[in-house]
């Protein structure tokens, strides 16, 4: 898996999470602690269909069963950016996956891997 987490000396966020191979397998507790999300970027340019980034505030995820705390839609063949000016707090862990169906029950992986970037604290 191609994940990098970079510590930042920046008033916006302390970490940048960059994952270039997001699919339908959950990535669990990527930051190792509670924090806040300030920015989400979903690069879905390799896919001709919508993809949905499911984000969880838990260290235990069963894709298709665990209710996501947030879902971000990525348009087909595009790079989508979400700026969250008041931040979104996660109290337990930052976990995520990407699927082709919206909602809790979606489990189908995108045809090609999706790249995701978070700015977090």
PDB file of N, CA and C in Angstrom:
ATOM      1  N   UNK A   1       0.857  -1.170   0.000  1.00  0.00           N
ATOM      2  CA  UNK A   1       0.000   0.000   0.000  1.00  0.00           C
ATOM      3  C   UNK A   1       0.899   1.227   0.000  1.00  0.00           C
ATOM      4  N   UNK A   2       0.515   2.256  -0.693  1.00  0.00           N
ATOM      5  CA  UNK A   2       1.327   3.461  -0.829  1.00  0.00           C
ATOM      6  C   UNK A   2       0.734   4.590   0.001  1.00  0.00           C
ATOM      7  N   UNK A   3       0.991   4.581   1.296  1.00  0.00           N
ATOM      8  CA  UNK A   3       0.481   5.604   2.206  1.00  0.00           C
ATOM      9  C   UNK A   3       1.655   6.366   2.782  1.00  0.00           C
ATOM     10  N   UNK A   4       1.530   7.692   2.833  1.00  0.00           N
ATOM     11  CA  UNK A   4       2.507   8.497   3.553  1.00  0.00           C
ATOM     12  C   UNK A   4       1.764   9.428   4.493  1.00  0.00           C
ATOM     13  N   UNK A   5       2.317   9.651   5.668  1.00  0.00           N
ATOM     14  CA  UNK A   5       1.793  10.601   6.641  1.00  0.00           C
ATOM     15  C   UNK A   5       2.944  11.541   6.954  1.00  0.00           C
ATOM     16  N   UNK A   6       2.744  12.845   6.720  1.00  0.00           N
ATOM     17  CA  UNK A   6       3.790  13.829   6.900  1.00  0.00           C
ATOM     18  C   UNK A   6       3.391  14.799   7.997  1.00  0.00           C
ATOM     19  N   UNK A   7       4.248  14.960   9.005  1.00  0.00           N
ATOM     20  CA  UNK A   7       3.996  15.964  10.037  1.00  0.00           C
ATOM     21  C   UNK A   7       4.290  17.343   9.469  1.00  0.00           C
ATOM     22  N   UNK A   8       3.457  18.329   9.815  1.00  0.00           N
ATOM     23  CA  UNK A   8       3.565  19.674   9.273  1.00  0.00           C
ATOM     24  C   UNK A   8       3.700  20.693  10.396  1.00  0.00           C
ATOM     25  N   UNK A   9       4.506  21.719  10.163  1.00  0.00           N
ATOM     26  CA  UNK A   9       4.568  22.864  11.063  1.00  0.00           C
ATOM     27  C   UNK A   9       3.724  23.948  10.403  1.00  0.00           C
ATOM     28  N   UNK A  10       2.416  23.826  10.547  1.00  0.00           N
ATOM     29  CA  UNK A  10       1.492  24.664   9.803  1.00  0.00           C
ATOM     30  C   UNK A  10       0.291  24.947  10.696  1.00  0.00           C
ATOM     31  N   UNK A  11      -0.193  26.178  10.729  1.00  0.00           N
ATOM     32  CA  UNK A  11      -1.349  26.463  11.578  1.00  0.00           C
ATOM     33  C   UNK A  11      -2.638  25.802  11.111  1.00  0.00           C
ATOM     34  N   UNK A  12      -2.696  25.337   9.854  1.00  0.00           N
ATOM     35  CA  UNK A  12      -3.914  24.712   9.358  1.00  0.00           C
ATOM     36  C   UNK A  12      -4.047  23.284   9.856  1.00  0.00           C
ATOM     37  N   UNK A  13      -3.044  22.478   9.672  1.00  0.00           N
ATOM     38  CA  UNK A  13      -3.105  21.082  10.065  1.00  0.00           C
ATOM     39  C   UNK A  13      -1.726  20.551  10.371  1.00  0.00           C
ATOM     40  N   UNK A  14      -1.658  19.543  11.202  1.00  0.00           N
ATOM     41  CA  UNK A  14      -0.377  19.000  11.623  1.00  0.00           C
ATOM     42  C   UNK A  14       0.084  17.840  10.759  1.00  0.00           C
ATOM     43  N   UNK A  15      -0.827  17.214  10.002  1.00  0.00           N
ATOM     44  CA  UNK A  15      -0.466  16.050   9.211  1.00  0.00           C
ATOM     45  C   UNK A  15      -1.118  16.109   7.838  1.00  0.00           C
ATOM     46  N   UNK A  16      -0.401  15.581   6.852  1.00  0.00           N
ATOM     47  CA  UNK A  16      -0.961  15.346   5.528  1.00  0.00           C
ATOM     48  C   UNK A  16      -0.924  13.839   5.314  1.00  0.00           C
ATOM     49  N   UNK A  17      -2.085  13.264   5.071  1.00  0.00           N
ATOM     50  CA  UNK A  17      -2.188  11.840   4.772  1.00  0.00           C
ATOM     51  C   UNK A  17      -2.389  11.729   3.273  1.00  0.00           C
ATOM     52  N   UNK A  18      -1.512  11.014   2.602  1.00  0.00           N
ATOM     53  CA  UNK A  18      -1.590  10.850   1.151  1.00  0.00           C
ATOM     54  C   UNK A  18      -1.579   9.354   0.843  1.00  0.00           C
ATOM     55  N   UNK A  19      -2.675   8.846   0.302  1.00  0.00           N
ATOM     56  CA  UNK A  19      -2.808   7.427  -0.010  1.00  0.00           C
ATOM     57  C   UNK A  19      -3.157   7.304  -1.485  1.00  0.00           C
ATOM     58  N   UNK A  20      -2.302   6.666  -2.259  1.00  0.00           N
ATOM     59  CA  UNK A  20      -2.489   6.596  -3.706  1.00  0.00           C
ATOM     60  C   UNK A  20      -3.204   5.338  -4.180  1.00  0.00           C
ATOM     61  N   UNK A  21      -3.563   4.455  -3.257  1.00  0.00           N
ATOM     62  CA  UNK A  21      -4.166   3.172  -3.659  1.00  0.00           C
ATOM     63  C   UNK A  21      -5.383   2.829  -2.810  1.00  0.00           C
ATOM     64  N   UNK A  22      -6.346   3.727  -2.745  1.00  0.00           N
ATOM     65  CA  UNK A  22      -7.531   3.481  -1.917  1.00  0.00           C
ATOM     66  C   UNK A  22      -8.542   2.650  -2.700  1.00  0.00           C
ATOM     67  N   UNK A  23      -9.043   1.624  -2.060  1.00  0.00           N
ATOM     68  CA  UNK A  23     -10.059   0.764  -2.648  1.00  0.00           C
ATOM     69  C   UNK A  23     -11.085   0.399  -1.595  1.00  0.00           C
ATOM     70  N   UNK A  24     -11.688  -0.773  -1.737  1.00  0.00           N
ATOM     71  CA  UNK A  24     -12.777  -1.154  -0.832  1.00  0.00           C
ATOM     72  C   UNK A  24     -12.309  -1.856   0.440  1.00  0.00           C
ATOM     73  N   UNK A  25     -11.011  -1.950   0.661  1.00  0.00           N
ATOM     74  CA  UNK A  25     -10.480  -2.464   1.916  1.00  0.00           C
ATOM     75  C   UNK A  25     -10.226  -1.277   2.842  1.00  0.00           C
ATOM     76  N   UNK A  26     -10.772  -1.315   4.038  1.00  0.00           N
ATOM     77  CA  UNK A  26     -10.644  -0.186   4.958  1.00  0.00           C
ATOM     78  C   UNK A  26      -9.194   0.011   5.403  1.00  0.00           C
ATOM     79  N   UNK A  27      -8.773   1.270   5.405  1.00  0.00           N
ATOM     80  CA  UNK A  27      -7.493   1.672   5.972  1.00  0.00           C
ATOM     81  C   UNK A  27      -7.820   2.139   7.384  1.00  0.00           C
ATOM     82  N   UNK A  28      -7.220   1.529   8.379  1.00  0.00           N
ATOM     83  CA  UNK A  28      -7.625   1.711   9.774  1.00  0.00           C
ATOM     84  C   UNK A  28      -6.654   2.611  10.532  1.00  0.00           C
ATOM     85  N   UNK A  29      -7.203   3.566  11.283  1.00  0.00           N
ATOM     86  CA  UNK A  29      -6.471   4.430  12.218  1.00  0.00           C
ATOM     87  C   UNK A  29      -5.180   4.978  11.611  1.00  0.00           C
ATOM     88  N   UNK A  30      -5.303   5.640  10.503  1.00  0.00           N
ATOM     89  CA  UNK A  30      -4.136   6.093   9.751  1.00  0.00           C
ATOM     90  C   UNK A  30      -3.316   7.146  10.490  1.00  0.00           C
ATOM     91  N   UNK A  31      -3.921   7.993  11.297  1.00  0.00           N
ATOM     92  CA  UNK A  31      -3.171   9.033  12.001  1.00  0.00           C
ATOM     93  C   UNK A  31      -2.698   8.590  13.384  1.00  0.00           C
ATOM     94  N   UNK A  32      -3.225   7.491  13.890  1.00  0.00           N
ATOM     95  CA  UNK A  32      -2.792   6.975  15.181  1.00  0.00           C
ATOM     96  C   UNK A  32      -3.353   7.712  16.386  1.00  0.00           C
ATOM     97  N   UNK A  33      -4.260   8.643  16.175  1.00  0.00           N
ATOM     98  CA  UNK A  33      -4.810   9.417  17.292  1.00  0.00           C
ATOM     99  C   UNK A  33      -6.067  10.159  16.838  1.00  0.00           C
ATOM    100  N   UNK A  34      -6.766  10.734  17.804  1.00  0.00           N
ATOM    101  CA  UNK A  34      -7.906  11.603  17.501  1.00  0.00           C
ATOM    102  C   UNK A  34      -7.393  12.872  16.840  1.00  0.00           C
ATOM    103  N   UNK A  35      -8.288  13.611  16.175  1.00  0.00           N
ATOM    104  CA  UNK A  35      -7.886  14.851  15.533  1.00  0.00           C
ATOM    105  C   UNK A  35      -9.037  15.503  14.798  1.00  0.00           C
ATOM    106  N   UNK A  36      -8.706  16.258  13.777  1.00  0.00           N
ATOM    107  CA  UNK A  36      -9.711  16.957  12.978  1.00  0.00           C
ATOM    108  C   UNK A  36      -9.303  16.900  11.516  1.00  0.00           C
ATOM    109  N   UNK A  37     -10.304  16.896  10.635  1.00  0.00           N
ATOM    110  CA  UNK A  37     -10.071  16.928   9.191  1.00  0.00           C
ATOM    111  C   UNK A  37     -10.362  18.341   8.702  1.00  0.00           C
ATOM    112  N   UNK A  38      -9.414  18.920   7.944  1.00  0.00           N
ATOM    113  CA  UNK A  38      -9.574  20.259   7.402  1.00  0.00           C
ATOM    114  C   UNK A  38      -9.746  20.265   5.882  1.00  0.00           C
ATOM    115  N   UNK A  39      -9.270  19.215   5.235  1.00  0.00           N
ATOM    116  CA  UNK A  39      -9.257  19.174   3.770  1.00  0.00           C
ATOM    117  C   UNK A  39      -9.270  17.723   3.317  1.00  0.00           C
ATOM    118  N   UNK A  40     -10.048  17.450   2.270  1.00  0.00           N
ATOM    119  CA  UNK A  40     -10.082  16.119   1.654  1.00  0.00           C
ATOM    120  C   UNK A  40      -9.974  16.306   0.148  1.00  0.00           C
ATOM    121  N   UNK A  41      -9.072  15.565  -0.460  1.00  0.00           N
ATOM    122  CA  UNK A  41      -8.940  15.564  -1.914  1.00  0.00           C
ATOM    123  C   UNK A  41      -9.074  14.124  -2.392  1.00  0.00           C
ATOM    124  N   UNK A  42      -9.933  13.922  -3.397  1.00  0.00           N
ATOM    125  CA  UNK A  42     -10.172  12.582  -3.933  1.00  0.00           C
ATOM    126  C   UNK A  42      -9.876  12.630  -5.429  1.00  0.00           C
ATOM    127  N   UNK A  43      -8.814  11.952  -5.835  1.00  0.00           N
ATOM    128  CA  UNK A  43      -8.432  11.899  -7.246  1.00  0.00           C
ATOM    129  C   UNK A  43      -9.044  10.649  -7.862  1.00  0.00           C
ATOM    130  N   UNK A  44     -10.149  10.848  -8.557  1.00  0.00           N
ATOM    131  CA  UNK A  44     -10.895   9.767  -9.184  1.00  0.00           C
ATOM    132  C   UNK A  44     -10.742   9.812 -10.700  1.00  0.00           C
ATOM    133  N   UNK A  45      -9.635  10.409 -11.181  1.00  0.00           N
ATOM    134  CA  UNK A  45      -9.453  10.594 -12.618  1.00  0.00           C
ATOM    135  C   UNK A  45      -9.300   9.281 -13.376  1.00  0.00           C
ATOM    136  N   UNK A  46      -8.923   8.212 -12.708  1.00  0.00           N
ATOM    137  CA  UNK A  46      -8.731   6.919 -13.374  1.00  0.00           C
ATOM    138  C   UNK A  46     -10.032   6.129 -13.516  1.00  0.00           C
ATOM    139  N   UNK A  47     -11.146   6.668 -13.029  1.00  0.00           N
ATOM    140  CA  UNK A  47     -12.419   5.942 -13.042  1.00  0.00           C
ATOM    141  C   UNK A  47     -13.489   6.695 -13.821  1.00  0.00           C
ATOM    142  N   UNK A  48     -14.217   5.971 -14.662  1.00  0.00           N
ATOM    143  CA  UNK A  48     -15.276   6.560 -15.471  1.00  0.00           C
ATOM    144  C   UNK A  48     -16.622   6.578 -14.751  1.00  0.00           C
ATOM    145  N   UNK A  49     -16.625   6.245 -13.473  1.00  0.00           N
ATOM    146  CA  UNK A  49     -17.853   6.242 -12.665  1.00  0.00           C
ATOM    147  C   UNK A  49     -17.592   6.975 -11.353  1.00  0.00           C
ATOM    148  N   UNK A  50     -18.679   7.373 -10.685  1.00  0.00           N
ATOM    149  CA  UNK A  50     -18.549   7.979  -9.356  1.00  0.00           C
ATOM    150  C   UNK A  50     -17.842   7.019  -8.415  1.00  0.00           C
ATOM    151  N   UNK A  51     -17.122   7.580  -7.453  1.00  0.00           N
ATOM    152  CA  UNK A  51     -16.582   6.816  -6.331  1.00  0.00           C
ATOM    153  C   UNK A  51     -16.995   7.550  -5.066  1.00  0.00           C
ATOM    154  N   UNK A  52     -17.082   6.820  -3.979  1.00  0.00           N
ATOM    155  CA  UNK A  52     -17.495   7.398  -2.701  1.00  0.00           C
ATOM    156  C   UNK A  52     -16.454   7.069  -1.648  1.00  0.00           C
ATOM    157  N   UNK A  53     -15.896   8.113  -1.045  1.00  0.00           N
ATOM    158  CA  UNK A  53     -14.945   7.951   0.045  1.00  0.00           C
ATOM    159  C   UNK A  53     -15.730   7.884   1.340  1.00  0.00           C
ATOM    160  N   UNK A  54     -15.663   6.747   2.015  1.00  0.00           N
ATOM    161  CA  UNK A  54     -16.320   6.594   3.309  1.00  0.00           C
ATOM    162  C   UNK A  54     -15.267   6.824   4.396  1.00  0.00           C
ATOM    163  N   UNK A  55     -15.582   7.701   5.336  1.00  0.00           N
ATOM    164  CA  UNK A  55     -14.658   8.032   6.413  1.00  0.00           C
ATOM    165  C   UNK A  55     -15.312   7.646   7.731  1.00  0.00           C
ATOM    166  N   UNK A  56     -14.532   6.983   8.569  1.00  0.00           N
ATOM    167  CA  UNK A  56     -15.030   6.438   9.831  1.00  0.00           C
ATOM    168  C   UNK A  56     -14.248   7.015  11.003  1.00  0.00           C
ATOM    169  N   UNK A  57     -14.938   7.263  12.104  1.00  0.00           N
ATOM    170  CA  UNK A  57     -14.311   7.670  13.364  1.00  0.00           C
ATOM    171  C   UNK A  57     -14.263   6.448  14.278  1.00  0.00           C
ATOM    172  N   UNK A  58     -13.505   5.454  13.846  1.00  0.00           N
ATOM    173  CA  UNK A  58     -13.373   4.220  14.628  1.00  0.00           C
ATOM    174  C   UNK A  58     -12.156   3.459  14.131  1.00  0.00           C
ATOM    175  N   UNK A  59     -11.637   2.601  14.964  1.00  0.00           N
ATOM    176  CA  UNK A  59     -10.516   1.748  14.593  1.00  0.00           C
ATOM    177  C   UNK A  59     -10.957   0.357  14.187  1.00  0.00           C
ATOM    178  N   UNK A  60     -12.262   0.128  14.128  1.00  0.00           N
ATOM    179  CA  UNK A  60     -12.808  -1.170  13.740  1.00  0.00           C
ATOM    180  C   UNK A  60     -13.841  -0.939  12.647  1.00  0.00           C
ATOM    181  N   UNK A  61     -13.547  -1.374  11.426  1.00  0.00           N
ATOM    182  CA  UNK A  61     -14.440  -1.132  10.293  1.00  0.00           C
ATOM    183  C   UNK A  61     -14.711  -2.440   9.561  1.00  0.00           C
ATOM    184  N   UNK A  62     -15.979  -2.696   9.302  1.00  0.00           N
ATOM    185  CA  UNK A  62     -16.382  -3.745   8.374  1.00  0.00           C
ATOM    186  C   UNK A  62     -17.086  -3.034   7.229  1.00  0.00           C
ATOM    187  N   UNK A  63     -16.411  -2.960   6.076  1.00  0.00           N
ATOM    188  CA  UNK A  63     -16.969  -2.248   4.923  1.00  0.00           C
ATOM    189  C   UNK A  63     -18.279  -2.922   4.512  1.00  0.00           C
ATOM    190  N   UNK A  64     -19.317  -2.113   4.360  1.00  0.00           N
ATOM    191  CA  UNK A  64     -20.629  -2.625   3.999  1.00  0.00           C
ATOM    192  C   UNK A  64     -21.551  -2.799   5.189  1.00  0.00           C
ATOM    193  N   UNK A  65     -20.983  -2.783   6.397  1.00  0.00           N
ATOM    194  CA  UNK A  65     -21.773  -2.958   7.617  1.00  0.00           C
ATOM    195  C   UNK A  65     -21.630  -1.776   8.574  1.00  0.00           C
ATOM    196  N   UNK A  66     -20.389  -1.330   8.787  1.00  0.00           N
ATOM    197  CA  UNK A  66     -20.130  -0.211   9.691  1.00  0.00           C
ATOM    198  C   UNK A  66     -20.631   1.082   9.053  1.00  0.00           C
ATOM    199  N   UNK A  67     -21.448   1.834   9.796  1.00  0.00           N
ATOM    200  CA  UNK A  67     -21.940   3.122   9.292  1.00  0.00           C
ATOM    201  C   UNK A  67     -20.791   4.124   9.206  1.00  0.00           C
ATOM    202  N   UNK A  68     -20.567   4.716   8.019  1.00  0.00           N
ATOM    203  CA  UNK A  68     -19.542   5.750   7.931  1.00  0.00           C
ATOM    204  C   UNK A  68     -20.013   7.019   8.644  1.00  0.00           C
ATOM    205  N   UNK A  69     -19.076   7.750   9.197  1.00  0.00           N
ATOM    206  CA  UNK A  69     -19.409   9.030   9.823  1.00  0.00           C
ATOM    207  C   UNK A  69     -19.548  10.128   8.778  1.00  0.00           C
ATOM    208  N   UNK A  70     -18.798  10.013   7.682  1.00  0.00           N
ATOM    209  CA  UNK A  70     -18.872  10.972   6.584  1.00  0.00           C
ATOM    210  C   UNK A  70     -18.683  10.232   5.270  1.00  0.00           C
ATOM    211  N   UNK A  71     -19.374  10.693   4.228  1.00  0.00           N
ATOM    212  CA  UNK A  71     -19.200  10.149   2.881  1.00  0.00           C
ATOM    213  C   UNK A  71     -18.979  11.325   1.934  1.00  0.00           C
ATOM    214  N   UNK A  72     -17.906  11.246   1.156  1.00  0.00           N
ATOM    215  CA  UNK A  72     -17.576  12.266   0.163  1.00  0.00           C
ATOM    216  C   UNK A  72     -17.699  11.646  -1.222  1.00  0.00           C
ATOM    217  N   UNK A  73     -18.434  12.305  -2.119  1.00  0.00           N
ATOM    218  CA  UNK A  73     -18.597  11.808  -3.488  1.00  0.00           C
ATOM    219  C   UNK A  73     -17.497  12.356  -4.379  1.00  0.00           C
ATOM    220  N   UNK A  74     -16.947  11.481  -5.202  1.00  0.00           N
ATOM    221  CA  UNK A  74     -15.956  11.888  -6.198  1.00  0.00           C
ATOM    222  C   UNK A  74     -16.567  11.697  -7.577  1.00  0.00           C
ATOM    223  N   UNK A  75     -16.654  12.767  -8.333  1.00  0.00           N
ATOM    224  CA  UNK A  75     -17.218  12.694  -9.679  1.00  0.00           C
ATOM    225  C   UNK A  75     -16.357  11.811 -10.577  1.00  0.00           C
ATOM    226  N   UNK A  76     -16.981  11.261 -11.595  1.00  0.00           N
ATOM    227  CA  UNK A  76     -16.282  10.412 -12.558  1.00  0.00           C
ATOM    228  C   UNK A  76     -15.174  11.195 -13.256  1.00  0.00           C
ATOM    229  N   UNK A  77     -14.046  10.559 -13.437  1.00  0.00           N
ATOM    230  CA  UNK A  77     -12.918  11.115 -14.203  1.00  0.00           C
ATOM    231  C   UNK A  77     -12.513  12.505 -13.736  1.00  0.00           C
ATOM    232  N   UNK A  78     -12.526  12.740 -12.421  1.00  0.00           N
ATOM    233  CA  UNK A  78     -12.208  14.082 -11.921  1.00  0.00           C
ATOM    234  C   UNK A  78     -11.461  14.025 -10.598  1.00  0.00           C
ATOM    235  N   UNK A  79     -10.936  15.191 -10.246  1.00  0.00           N
ATOM    236  CA  UNK A  79     -10.246  15.360  -8.975  1.00  0.00           C
ATOM    237  C   UNK A  79     -11.119  16.296  -8.135  1.00  0.00           C
ATOM    238  N   UNK A  80     -11.618  15.810  -7.004  1.00  0.00           N
ATOM    239  CA  UNK A  80     -12.547  16.571  -6.168  1.00  0.00           C
ATOM    240  C   UNK A  80     -11.856  17.024  -4.897  1.00  0.00           C
ATOM    241  N   UNK A  81     -12.085  18.281  -4.524  1.00  0.00           N
ATOM    242  CA  UNK A  81     -11.474  18.855  -3.330  1.00  0.00           C
ATOM    243  C   UNK A  81     -12.557  19.388  -2.402  1.00  0.00           C
ATOM    244  N   UNK A  82     -12.432  19.049  -1.123  1.00  0.00           N
ATOM    245  CA  UNK A  82     -13.373  19.515  -0.110  1.00  0.00           C
ATOM    246  C   UNK A  82     -12.586  20.245   0.976  1.00  0.00           C
ATOM    247  N   UNK A  83     -12.862  21.530   1.133  1.00  0.00           N
ATOM    248  CA  UNK A  83     -12.261  22.324   2.205  1.00  0.00           C
ATOM    249  C   UNK A  83     -13.287  22.409   3.321  1.00  0.00           C
ATOM    250  N   UNK A  84     -12.862  22.122   4.536  1.00  0.00           N
ATOM    251  CA  UNK A  84     -13.771  22.086   5.676  1.00  0.00           C
ATOM    252  C   UNK A  84     -13.340  23.193   6.642  1.00  0.00           C
ATOM    253  N   UNK A  85     -13.904  24.386   6.488  1.00  0.00           N
ATOM    254  CA  UNK A  85     -13.411  25.547   7.228  1.00  0.00           C
ATOM    255  C   UNK A  85     -13.589  25.469   8.739  1.00  0.00           C
ATOM    256  N   UNK A  86     -14.577  24.735   9.210  1.00  0.00           N
ATOM    257  CA  UNK A  86     -14.770  24.632  10.663  1.00  0.00           C
ATOM    258  C   UNK A  86     -14.272  23.299  11.194  1.00  0.00           C
ATOM    259  N   UNK A  87     -13.603  22.539  10.420  1.00  0.00           N
ATOM    260  CA  UNK A  87     -13.039  21.226  10.675  1.00  0.00           C
ATOM    261  C   UNK A  87     -14.088  20.197  11.064  1.00  0.00           C
ATOM    262  N   UNK A  88     -13.738  18.954  10.905  1.00  0.00           N
ATOM    263  CA  UNK A  88     -14.573  17.817  11.284  1.00  0.00           C
ATOM    264  C   UNK A  88     -13.733  16.997  12.256  1.00  0.00           C
ATOM    265  N   UNK A  89     -14.213  16.860  13.468  1.00  0.00           N
ATOM    266  CA  UNK A  89     -13.437  16.160  14.490  1.00  0.00           C
ATOM    267  C   UNK A  89     -13.675  14.664  14.461  1.00  0.00           C
ATOM    268  N   UNK A  90     -12.607  13.905  14.633  1.00  0.00           N
ATOM    269  CA  UNK A  90     -12.723  12.467  14.867  1.00  0.00           C
ATOM    270  C   UNK A  90     -12.113  12.188  16.229  1.00  0.00           C
ATOM    271  N   UNK A  91     -12.887  11.548  17.084  1.00  0.00           N
ATOM    272  CA  UNK A  91     -12.515  11.371  18.487  1.00  0.00           C
ATOM    273  C   UNK A  91     -11.711  10.103  18.741  1.00  0.00           C
ATOM    274  N   UNK A  92     -11.813   9.139  17.845  1.00  0.00           N
ATOM    275  CA  UNK A  92     -11.194   7.837  18.097  1.00  0.00           C
ATOM    276  C   UNK A  92     -10.067   7.553  17.115  1.00  0.00           C
ATOM    277  N   UNK A  93     -10.393   7.468  15.824  1.00  0.00           N
ATOM    278  CA  UNK A  93      -9.409   7.095  14.812  1.00  0.00           C
ATOM    279  C   UNK A  93      -9.905   7.555  13.445  1.00  0.00           C
ATOM    280  N   UNK A  94      -8.989   7.834  12.533  1.00  0.00           N
ATOM    281  CA  UNK A  94      -9.348   8.176  11.165  1.00  0.00           C
ATOM    282  C   UNK A  94      -9.150   6.935  10.303  1.00  0.00           C
ATOM    283  N   UNK A  95     -10.258   6.371   9.838  1.00  0.00           N
ATOM    284  CA  UNK A  95     -10.243   5.190   8.977  1.00  0.00           C
ATOM    285  C   UNK A  95     -11.063   5.505   7.737  1.00  0.00           C
ATOM    286  N   UNK A  96     -10.793   4.827   6.622  1.00  0.00           N
ATOM    287  CA  UNK A  96     -11.505   5.147   5.387  1.00  0.00           C
ATOM    288  C   UNK A  96     -11.393   4.014   4.376  1.00  0.00           C
ATOM    289  N   UNK A  97     -12.259   4.099   3.348  1.00  0.00           N
ATOM    290  CA  UNK A  97     -12.214   3.219   2.182  1.00  0.00           C
ATOM    291  C   UNK A  97     -12.901   3.950   1.041  1.00  0.00           C
ATOM    292  N   UNK A  98     -12.838   3.385  -0.158  1.00  0.00           N
ATOM    293  CA  UNK A  98     -13.489   4.000  -1.318  1.00  0.00           C
ATOM    294  C   UNK A  98     -14.229   2.914  -2.087  1.00  0.00           C
ATOM    295  N   UNK A  99     -15.492   3.189  -2.392  1.00  0.00           N
ATOM    296  CA  UNK A  99     -16.341   2.211  -3.089  1.00  0.00           C
ATOM    297  C   UNK A  99     -17.140   2.903  -4.192  1.00  0.00           C
ATOM    298  N   UNK A 100     -17.856   2.103  -4.983  1.00  0.00           N
ATOM    299  CA  UNK A 100     -18.644   2.650  -6.085  1.00  0.00           C
ATOM    300  C   UNK A 100     -20.083   2.972  -5.711  1.00  0.00           C
ATOM    301  N   UNK A 101     -20.549   2.548  -4.535  1.00  0.00           N
ATOM    302  CA  UNK A 101     -21.927   2.813  -4.124  1.00  0.00           C
ATOM    303  C   UNK A 101     -21.940   3.721  -2.894  1.00  0.00           C
ATOM    304  N   UNK A 102     -22.900   4.641  -2.884  1.00  0.00           N
ATOM    305  CA  UNK A 102     -23.066   5.511  -1.714  1.00  0.00           C
ATOM    306  C   UNK A 102     -23.747   4.734  -0.603  1.00  0.00           C
ATOM    307  N   UNK A 103     -23.649   5.222   0.606  1.00  0.00           N
ATOM    308  CA  UNK A 103     -24.338   4.612   1.733  1.00  0.00           C
ATOM    309  C   UNK A 103     -23.525   3.533   2.417  1.00  0.00           C
ATOM    310  N   UNK A 104     -24.046   3.055   3.512  1.00  0.00           N
ATOM    311  CA  UNK A 104     -23.349   2.067   4.330  1.00  0.00           C
ATOM    312  C   UNK A 104     -23.081   0.776   3.572  1.00  0.00           C
ATOM    313  N   UNK A 105     -24.058   0.279   2.808  1.00  0.00           N
ATOM    314  CA  UNK A 105     -23.977  -1.040   2.215  1.00  0.00           C
ATOM    315  C   UNK A 105     -23.026  -1.196   1.046  1.00  0.00           C
ATOM    316  N   UNK A 106     -22.504  -0.124   0.480  1.00  0.00           N
ATOM    317  CA  UNK A 106     -21.631  -0.230  -0.676  1.00  0.00           C
ATOM    318  C   UNK A 106     -20.325  -0.937  -0.361  1.00  0.00           C
ATOM    319  N   UNK A 107     -19.944  -1.890  -1.219  1.00  0.00           N
ATOM    320  CA  UNK A 107     -18.707  -2.642  -1.006  1.00  0.00           C
ATOM    321  C   UNK A 107     -17.879  -2.838  -2.272  1.00  0.00           C
ATOM    322  N   UNK A 108     -18.377  -2.427  -3.426  1.00  0.00           N
ATOM    323  CA  UNK A 108     -17.684  -2.680  -4.684  1.00  0.00           C
ATOM    324  C   UNK A 108     -16.528  -1.704  -4.870  1.00  0.00           C
ATOM    325  N   UNK A 109     -15.359  -2.237  -5.120  1.00  0.00           N
ATOM    326  CA  UNK A 109     -14.181  -1.392  -5.331  1.00  0.00           C
ATOM    327  C   UNK A 109     -14.298  -0.621  -6.640  1.00  0.00           C
ATOM    328  N   UNK A 110     -13.742   0.588  -6.695  1.00  0.00           N
ATOM    329  CA  UNK A 110     -13.668   1.298  -7.973  1.00  0.00           C
ATOM    330  C   UNK A 110     -12.862   0.463  -8.969  1.00  0.00           C
ATOM    331  N   UNK A 111     -13.099   0.657 -10.258  1.00  0.00           N
ATOM    332  CA  UNK A 111     -12.378  -0.104 -11.281  1.00  0.00           C
ATOM    333  C   UNK A 111     -10.869   0.096 -11.171  1.00  0.00           C
ATOM    334  N   UNK A 112     -10.435   1.306 -10.863  1.00  0.00           N
ATOM    335  CA  UNK A 112      -9.025   1.621 -10.638  1.00  0.00           C
ATOM    336  C   UNK A 112      -8.883   2.245  -9.264  1.00  0.00           C
ATOM    337  N   UNK A 113      -7.682   2.146  -8.713  1.00  0.00           N
ATOM    338  CA  UNK A 113      -7.440   2.731  -7.388  1.00  0.00           C
ATOM    339  C   UNK A 113      -7.693   4.237  -7.413  1.00  0.00           C
ATOM    340  N   UNK A 114      -8.138   4.746  -6.295  1.00  0.00           N
ATOM    341  CA  UNK A 114      -8.400   6.175  -6.097  1.00  0.00           C
ATOM    342  C   UNK A 114      -7.320   6.730  -5.173  1.00  0.00           C
ATOM    343  N   UNK A 115      -6.843   7.921  -5.464  1.00  0.00           N
ATOM    344  CA  UNK A 115      -5.884   8.580  -4.586  1.00  0.00           C
ATOM    345  C   UNK A 115      -6.628   9.548  -3.675  1.00  0.00           C
ATOM    346  N   UNK A 116      -6.253   9.558  -2.392  1.00  0.00           N
ATOM    347  CA  UNK A 116      -6.920  10.400  -1.400  1.00  0.00           C
ATOM    348  C   UNK A 116      -5.865  11.148  -0.602  1.00  0.00           C
ATOM    349  N   UNK A 117      -6.165  12.412  -0.309  1.00  0.00           N
ATOM    350  CA  UNK A 117      -5.289  13.216   0.550  1.00  0.00           C
ATOM    351  C   UNK A 117      -6.146  13.896   1.606  1.00  0.00           C
ATOM    352  N   UNK A 118      -5.696  13.824   2.853  1.00  0.00           N
ATOM    353  CA  UNK A 118      -6.338  14.502   3.983  1.00  0.00           C
ATOM    354  C   UNK A 118      -5.330  15.475   4.585  1.00  0.00           C
ATOM    355  N   UNK A 119      -5.789  16.650   5.025  1.00  0.00           N
ATOM    356  CA  UNK A 119      -5.018  17.505   5.924  1.00  0.00           C
ATOM    357  C   UNK A 119      -5.730  17.396   7.264  1.00  0.00           C
ATOM    358  N   UNK A 120      -4.987  16.958   8.279  1.00  0.00           N
ATOM    359  CA  UNK A 120      -5.576  16.702   9.590  1.00  0.00           C
ATOM    360  C   UNK A 120      -4.718  17.300  10.703  1.00  0.00           C
ATOM    361  N   UNK A 121      -5.270  17.257  11.886  1.00  0.00           N
ATOM    362  CA  UNK A 121      -4.470  17.617  13.073  1.00  0.00           C
ATOM    363  C   UNK A 121      -4.290  16.379  13.908  1.00  0.00           C
TER     364      UNK A 121
END
